[in-house]
Amino acid sequence: MKLIPFAYLLYHQAPAVDVVGVGLQSGKIILHNLKFDEVVMSFHQDWGPVTALTFRTGIADTTKGEVNVCC
């Protein structure tokens, strides 16, 4: 994984193959494809460090490419 200039707090395997979610001290959340060493997408929360990260399946209509983010 390419170096990111923030402290890593946690990571969690995503339901997608080769993808992990990474939570940073800065509040940034990164979905990273390990196989291709690429950022799939990233988010930023304004209220502090990422303290928990989880994934759920079966909620969104994935045929439309929806992403659900919850705090």
PDB file of N, CA and C in Angstrom:
ATOM      1  N   MET A   1       0.843  -1.180   0.000  1.00  0.00           N
ATOM      2  CA  MET A   1       0.000   0.000   0.000  1.00  0.00           C
ATOM      3  C   MET A   1       0.881   1.233   0.000  1.00  0.00           C
ATOM      4  N   LYS A   2       0.567   2.174  -0.862  1.00  0.00           N
ATOM      5  CA  LYS A   2       1.336   3.409  -0.935  1.00  0.00           C
ATOM      6  C   LYS A   2       1.270   4.127   0.405  1.00  0.00           C
ATOM      7  N   LEU A   3       2.343   4.807   0.732  1.00  0.00           N
ATOM      8  CA  LEU A   3       2.389   5.509   2.017  1.00  0.00           C
ATOM      9  C   LEU A   3       1.392   6.654   2.059  1.00  0.00           C
ATOM     10  N   ILE A   4       0.687   6.749   3.164  1.00  0.00           N
ATOM     11  CA  ILE A   4      -0.268   7.820   3.405  1.00  0.00           C
ATOM     12  C   ILE A   4       0.258   8.591   4.613  1.00  0.00           C
ATOM     13  N   PRO A   5       0.377   9.918   4.520  1.00  0.00           N
ATOM     14  CA  PRO A   5       1.032  10.684   5.581  1.00  0.00           C
ATOM     15  C   PRO A   5       0.171  10.939   6.821  1.00  0.00           C
ATOM     16  N   PHE A   6      -0.570   9.948   7.267  1.00  0.00           N
ATOM     17  CA  PHE A   6      -1.386  10.063   8.473  1.00  0.00           C
ATOM     18  C   PHE A   6      -1.276   8.762   9.255  1.00  0.00           C
ATOM     19  N   ALA A   7      -1.583   8.815  10.527  1.00  0.00           N
ATOM     20  CA  ALA A   7      -1.548   7.620  11.363  1.00  0.00           C
ATOM     21  C   ALA A   7      -2.729   6.712  11.034  1.00  0.00           C
ATOM     22  N   TYR A   8      -2.436   5.442  10.782  1.00  0.00           N
ATOM     23  CA  TYR A   8      -3.475   4.438  10.560  1.00  0.00           C
ATOM     24  C   TYR A   8      -4.052   4.058  11.915  1.00  0.00           C
ATOM     25  N   LEU A   9      -5.361   4.054  12.040  1.00  0.00           N
ATOM     26  CA  LEU A   9      -5.984   3.625  13.283  1.00  0.00           C
ATOM     27  C   LEU A   9      -6.565   2.232  13.166  1.00  0.00           C
ATOM     28  N   LEU A  10      -7.127   1.911  12.003  1.00  0.00           N
ATOM     29  CA  LEU A  10      -7.745   0.596  11.844  1.00  0.00           C
ATOM     30  C   LEU A  10      -7.922   0.278  10.378  1.00  0.00           C
ATOM     31  N   TYR A  11      -8.123  -0.995  10.102  1.00  0.00           N
ATOM     32  CA  TYR A  11      -8.478  -1.424   8.752  1.00  0.00           C
ATOM     33  C   TYR A  11      -9.443  -2.586   8.864  1.00  0.00           C
ATOM     34  N   HIS A  12     -10.247  -2.773   7.823  1.00  0.00           N
ATOM     35  CA  HIS A  12     -11.270  -3.817   7.851  1.00  0.00           C
ATOM     36  C   HIS A  12     -11.484  -4.336   6.440  1.00  0.00           C
ATOM     37  N   GLN A  13     -11.563  -5.647   6.283  1.00  0.00           N
ATOM     38  CA  GLN A  13     -11.801  -6.263   4.979  1.00  0.00           C
ATOM     39  C   GLN A  13     -13.195  -5.914   4.471  1.00  0.00           C
ATOM     40  N   ALA A  14     -13.273  -5.456   3.234  1.00  0.00           N
ATOM     41  CA  ALA A  14     -14.557  -5.158   2.595  1.00  0.00           C
ATOM     42  C   ALA A  14     -15.131  -6.429   1.982  1.00  0.00           C
ATOM     43  N   PRO A  15     -16.425  -6.458   1.695  1.00  0.00           N
ATOM     44  CA  PRO A  15     -17.008  -7.626   1.024  1.00  0.00           C
ATOM     45  C   PRO A  15     -16.425  -7.853  -0.374  1.00  0.00           C
ATOM     46  N   ALA A  16     -15.956  -6.790  -1.016  1.00  0.00           N
ATOM     47  CA  ALA A  16     -15.339  -6.921  -2.338  1.00  0.00           C
ATOM     48  C   ALA A  16     -13.963  -7.564  -2.205  1.00  0.00           C
ATOM     49  N   VAL A  17     -13.636  -8.429  -3.140  1.00  0.00           N
ATOM     50  CA  VAL A  17     -12.343  -9.120  -3.114  1.00  0.00           C
ATOM     51  C   VAL A  17     -11.203  -8.112  -3.250  1.00  0.00           C
ATOM     52  N   ASP A  18     -10.170  -8.274  -2.431  1.00  0.00           N
ATOM     53  CA  ASP A  18      -8.945  -7.464  -2.458  1.00  0.00           C
ATOM     54  C   ASP A  18      -9.125  -6.016  -2.003  1.00  0.00           C
ATOM     55  N   VAL A  19     -10.258  -5.683  -1.399  1.00  0.00           N
ATOM     56  CA  VAL A  19     -10.489  -4.296  -0.963  1.00  0.00           C
ATOM     57  C   VAL A  19     -10.568  -4.236   0.554  1.00  0.00           C
ATOM     58  N   VAL A  20      -9.891  -3.250   1.135  1.00  0.00           N
ATOM     59  CA  VAL A  20      -9.972  -3.002   2.574  1.00  0.00           C
ATOM     60  C   VAL A  20     -10.368  -1.543   2.796  1.00  0.00           C
ATOM     61  N   GLY A  21     -11.000  -1.293   3.923  1.00  0.00           N
ATOM     62  CA  GLY A  21     -11.272   0.060   4.367  1.00  0.00           C
ATOM     63  C   GLY A  21     -10.214   0.433   5.385  1.00  0.00           C
ATOM     64  N   VAL A  22      -9.674   1.628   5.280  1.00  0.00           N
ATOM     65  CA  VAL A  22      -8.630   2.091   6.188  1.00  0.00           C
ATOM     66  C   VAL A  22      -9.119   3.357   6.869  1.00  0.00           C
ATOM     67  N   GLY A  23      -9.095   3.369   8.198  1.00  0.00           N
ATOM     68  CA  GLY A  23      -9.480   4.546   8.966  1.00  0.00           C
ATOM     69  C   GLY A  23      -8.247   5.256   9.484  1.00  0.00           C
ATOM     70  N   LEU A  24      -8.192   6.564   9.305  1.00  0.00           N
ATOM     71  CA  LEU A  24      -7.014   7.341   9.678  1.00  0.00           C
ATOM     72  C   LEU A  24      -7.286   8.284  10.842  1.00  0.00           C
ATOM     73  N   GLN A  25      -6.233   8.647  11.525  1.00  0.00           N
ATOM     74  CA  GLN A  25      -6.287   9.602  12.635  1.00  0.00           C
ATOM     75  C   GLN A  25      -6.882  10.931  12.179  1.00  0.00           C
ATOM     76  N   SER A  26      -6.640  11.291  10.933  1.00  0.00           N
ATOM     77  CA  SER A  26      -7.095  12.573  10.388  1.00  0.00           C
ATOM     78  C   SER A  26      -8.605  12.631  10.151  1.00  0.00           C
ATOM     79  N   GLY A  27      -9.286  11.463  10.221  1.00  0.00           N
ATOM     80  CA  GLY A  27     -10.714  11.409   9.920  1.00  0.00           C
ATOM     81  C   GLY A  27     -10.997  10.903   8.518  1.00  0.00           C
ATOM     82  N   LYS A  28      -9.967  10.647   7.773  1.00  0.00           N
ATOM     83  CA  LYS A  28     -10.139  10.153   6.400  1.00  0.00           C
ATOM     84  C   LYS A  28     -10.395   8.654   6.420  1.00  0.00           C
ATOM     85  N   ILE A  29     -11.286   8.206   5.533  1.00  0.00           N
ATOM     86  CA  ILE A  29     -11.600   6.793   5.345  1.00  0.00           C
ATOM     87  C   ILE A  29     -11.276   6.462   3.901  1.00  0.00           C
ATOM     88  N   ILE A  30     -10.446   5.449   3.693  1.00  0.00           N
ATOM     89  CA  ILE A  30      -9.998   5.091   2.353  1.00  0.00           C
ATOM     90  C   ILE A  30     -10.414   3.666   2.049  1.00  0.00           C
ATOM     91  N   LEU A  31     -11.032   3.450   0.893  1.00  0.00           N
ATOM     92  CA  LEU A  31     -11.263   2.106   0.377  1.00  0.00           C
ATOM     93  C   LEU A  31     -10.134   1.838  -0.607  1.00  0.00           C
ATOM     94  N   HIS A  32      -9.321   0.826  -0.303  1.00  0.00           N
ATOM     95  CA  HIS A  32      -8.091   0.588  -1.056  1.00  0.00           C
ATOM     96  C   HIS A  32      -8.081  -0.809  -1.649  1.00  0.00           C
ATOM     97  N   ASN A  33      -7.802  -0.914  -2.948  1.00  0.00           N
ATOM     98  CA  ASN A  33      -7.660  -2.202  -3.612  1.00  0.00           C
ATOM     99  C   ASN A  33      -6.220  -2.657  -3.442  1.00  0.00           C
ATOM    100  N   LEU A  34      -6.013  -3.724  -2.665  1.00  0.00           N
ATOM    101  CA  LEU A  34      -4.671  -4.210  -2.372  1.00  0.00           C
ATOM    102  C   LEU A  34      -4.004  -4.845  -3.591  1.00  0.00           C
ATOM    103  N   LYS A  35      -4.777  -5.513  -4.419  1.00  0.00           N
ATOM    104  CA  LYS A  35      -4.210  -6.197  -5.578  1.00  0.00           C
ATOM    105  C   LYS A  35      -3.568  -5.207  -6.557  1.00  0.00           C
ATOM    106  N   PHE A  36      -4.245  -4.091  -6.798  1.00  0.00           N
ATOM    107  CA  PHE A  36      -3.748  -3.104  -7.753  1.00  0.00           C
ATOM    108  C   PHE A  36      -3.101  -1.895  -7.079  1.00  0.00           C
ATOM    109  N   ASP A  37      -3.073  -1.880  -5.736  1.00  0.00           N
ATOM    110  CA  ASP A  37      -2.512  -0.774  -4.958  1.00  0.00           C
ATOM    111  C   ASP A  37      -3.096   0.564  -5.412  1.00  0.00           C
ATOM    112  N   GLU A  38      -4.432   0.620  -5.469  1.00  0.00           N
ATOM    113  CA  GLU A  38      -5.130   1.826  -5.893  1.00  0.00           C
ATOM    114  C   GLU A  38      -6.222   2.193  -4.896  1.00  0.00           C
ATOM    115  N   VAL A  39      -6.431   3.487  -4.734  1.00  0.00           N
ATOM    116  CA  VAL A  39      -7.547   3.968  -3.923  1.00  0.00           C
ATOM    117  C   VAL A  39      -8.815   3.851  -4.758  1.00  0.00           C
ATOM    118  N   VAL A  40      -9.810   3.129  -4.230  1.00  0.00           N
ATOM    119  CA  VAL A  40     -11.092   2.970  -4.917  1.00  0.00           C
ATOM    120  C   VAL A  40     -11.921   4.237  -4.716  1.00  0.00           C
ATOM    121  N   MET A  41     -12.004   4.692  -3.471  1.00  0.00           N
ATOM    122  CA  MET A  41     -12.668   5.950  -3.135  1.00  0.00           C
ATOM    123  C   MET A  41     -12.266   6.336  -1.721  1.00  0.00           C
ATOM    124  N   SER A  42     -12.509   7.584  -1.373  1.00  0.00           N
ATOM    125  CA  SER A  42     -12.197   8.025  -0.014  1.00  0.00           C
ATOM    126  C   SER A  42     -13.273   8.996   0.466  1.00  0.00           C
ATOM    127  N   PHE A  43     -13.367   9.070   1.778  1.00  0.00           N
ATOM    128  CA  PHE A  43     -14.328   9.943   2.452  1.00  0.00           C
ATOM    129  C   PHE A  43     -13.577  10.674   3.553  1.00  0.00           C
ATOM    130  N   HIS A  44     -14.162  11.744   4.061  1.00  0.00           N
ATOM    131  CA  HIS A  44     -13.564  12.436   5.202  1.00  0.00           C
ATOM    132  C   HIS A  44     -14.663  12.843   6.169  1.00  0.00           C
ATOM    133  N   GLN A  45     -14.468  12.506   7.434  1.00  0.00           N
ATOM    134  CA  GLN A  45     -15.403  12.964   8.466  1.00  0.00           C
ATOM    135  C   GLN A  45     -14.754  14.124   9.205  1.00  0.00           C
ATOM    136  N   ASP A  46     -15.538  15.132   9.526  1.00  0.00           N
ATOM    137  CA  ASP A  46     -15.010  16.363  10.104  1.00  0.00           C
ATOM    138  C   ASP A  46     -14.871  16.326  11.629  1.00  0.00           C
ATOM    139  N   TRP A  47     -15.415  15.323  12.291  1.00  0.00           N
ATOM    140  CA  TRP A  47     -15.505  15.368  13.750  1.00  0.00           C
ATOM    141  C   TRP A  47     -14.434  14.558  14.463  1.00  0.00           C
ATOM    142  N   GLY A  48     -13.344  14.204  13.819  1.00  0.00           N
ATOM    143  CA  GLY A  48     -12.246  13.554  14.518  1.00  0.00           C
ATOM    144  C   GLY A  48     -11.789  12.261  13.880  1.00  0.00           C
ATOM    145  N   PRO A  49     -10.950  11.534  14.599  1.00  0.00           N
ATOM    146  CA  PRO A  49     -10.374  10.299  14.064  1.00  0.00           C
ATOM    147  C   PRO A  49     -11.422   9.211  13.834  1.00  0.00           C
ATOM    148  N   VAL A  50     -11.112   8.314  12.929  1.00  0.00           N
ATOM    149  CA  VAL A  50     -11.991   7.176  12.643  1.00  0.00           C
ATOM    150  C   VAL A  50     -11.782   6.152  13.758  1.00  0.00           C
ATOM    151  N   THR A  51     -12.844   5.835  14.478  1.00  0.00           N
ATOM    152  CA  THR A  51     -12.728   4.903  15.606  1.00  0.00           C
ATOM    153  C   THR A  51     -13.371   3.546  15.330  1.00  0.00           C
ATOM    154  N   ALA A  52     -14.141   3.436  14.257  1.00  0.00           N
ATOM    155  CA  ALA A  52     -14.769   2.160  13.900  1.00  0.00           C
ATOM    156  C   ALA A  52     -15.065   2.173  12.405  1.00  0.00           C
ATOM    157  N   LEU A  53     -15.071   0.980  11.830  1.00  0.00           N
ATOM    158  CA  LEU A  53     -15.319   0.844  10.399  1.00  0.00           C
ATOM    159  C   LEU A  53     -15.925  -0.528  10.158  1.00  0.00           C
ATOM    160  N   THR A  54     -17.010  -0.565   9.409  1.00  0.00           N
ATOM    161  CA  THR A  54     -17.650  -1.840   9.100  1.00  0.00           C
ATOM    162  C   THR A  54     -18.323  -1.741   7.741  1.00  0.00           C
ATOM    163  N   PHE A  55     -18.666  -2.876   7.179  1.00  0.00           N
ATOM    164  CA  PHE A  55     -19.349  -2.941   5.885  1.00  0.00           C
ATOM    165  C   PHE A  55     -20.606  -3.770   6.036  1.00  0.00           C
ATOM    166  N   ARG A  56     -21.638  -3.426   5.264  1.00  0.00           N
ATOM    167  CA  ARG A  56     -22.864  -4.235   5.216  1.00  0.00           C
ATOM    168  C   ARG A  56     -23.198  -4.510   3.765  1.00  0.00           C
ATOM    169  N   THR A  57     -23.792  -5.643   3.524  1.00  0.00           N
ATOM    170  CA  THR A  57     -24.232  -5.977   2.172  1.00  0.00           C
ATOM    171  C   THR A  57     -25.739  -6.193   2.183  1.00  0.00           C
ATOM    172  N   GLY A  58     -26.342  -6.131   1.008  1.00  0.00           N
ATOM    173  CA  GLY A  58     -27.759  -6.424   0.891  1.00  0.00           C
ATOM    174  C   GLY A  58     -28.687  -5.258   1.157  1.00  0.00           C
ATOM    175  N   ILE A  59     -28.165  -4.049   1.321  1.00  0.00           N
ATOM    176  CA  ILE A  59     -29.011  -2.892   1.607  1.00  0.00           C
ATOM    177  C   ILE A  59     -29.301  -2.106   0.336  1.00  0.00           C
ATOM    178  N   ALA A  60     -28.268  -1.820  -0.417  1.00  0.00           N
ATOM    179  CA  ALA A  60     -28.394  -0.949  -1.583  1.00  0.00           C
ATOM    180  C   ALA A  60     -28.764  -1.742  -2.830  1.00  0.00           C
ATOM    181  N   ASP A  61     -29.317  -1.032  -3.784  1.00  0.00           N
ATOM    182  CA  ASP A  61     -29.558  -1.607  -5.097  1.00  0.00           C
ATOM    183  C   ASP A  61     -28.256  -1.462  -5.879  1.00  0.00           C
ATOM    184  N   THR A  62     -27.419  -2.488  -5.841  1.00  0.00           N
ATOM    185  CA  THR A  62     -26.086  -2.402  -6.436  1.00  0.00           C
ATOM    186  C   THR A  62     -26.115  -2.285  -7.952  1.00  0.00           C
ATOM    187  N   THR A  63     -27.245  -2.538  -8.585  1.00  0.00           N
ATOM    188  CA  THR A  63     -27.327  -2.351 -10.029  1.00  0.00           C
ATOM    189  C   THR A  63     -27.255  -0.877 -10.394  1.00  0.00           C
ATOM    190  N   LYS A  64     -27.546  -0.013  -9.426  1.00  0.00           N
ATOM    191  CA  LYS A  64     -27.470   1.425  -9.651  1.00  0.00           C
ATOM    192  C   LYS A  64     -26.152   2.020  -9.152  1.00  0.00           C
ATOM    193  N   GLY A  65     -25.295   1.200  -8.543  1.00  0.00           N
ATOM    194  CA  GLY A  65     -24.010   1.684  -8.054  1.00  0.00           C
ATOM    195  C   GLY A  65     -24.108   2.537  -6.802  1.00  0.00           C
ATOM    196  N   GLU A  66     -25.080   2.279  -5.945  1.00  0.00           N
ATOM    197  CA  GLU A  66     -25.269   3.071  -4.732  1.00  0.00           C
ATOM    198  C   GLU A  66     -24.231   2.731  -3.671  1.00  0.00           C
ATOM    199  N   VAL A  67     -23.871   3.742  -2.885  1.00  0.00           N
ATOM    200  CA  VAL A  67     -22.990   3.572  -1.731  1.00  0.00           C
ATOM    201  C   VAL A  67     -23.726   4.125  -0.529  1.00  0.00           C
ATOM    202  N   ASN A  68     -23.773   3.356   0.556  1.00  0.00           N
ATOM    203  CA  ASN A  68     -24.390   3.821   1.799  1.00  0.00           C
ATOM    204  C   ASN A  68     -23.309   4.085   2.825  1.00  0.00           C
ATOM    205  N   VAL A  69     -23.305   5.293   3.368  1.00  0.00           N
ATOM    206  CA  VAL A  69     -22.337   5.662   4.389  1.00  0.00           C
ATOM    207  C   VAL A  69     -23.122   6.106   5.606  1.00  0.00           C
ATOM    208  N   CYS A  70     -22.765   5.566   6.745  1.00  0.00           N
ATOM    209  CA  CYS A  70     -23.466   5.917   7.976  1.00  0.00           C
ATOM    210  C   CYS A  70     -22.468   6.138   9.090  1.00  0.00           C
ATOM    211  N   CYS A  71     -22.847   6.927  10.020  1.00  0.00           N
ATOM    212  CA  CYS A  71     -21.960   7.246  11.136  1.00  0.00           C
ATOM    213  C   CYS A  71     -22.354   6.426  12.335  1.00  0.00           C
TER     214      CYS A  71
END
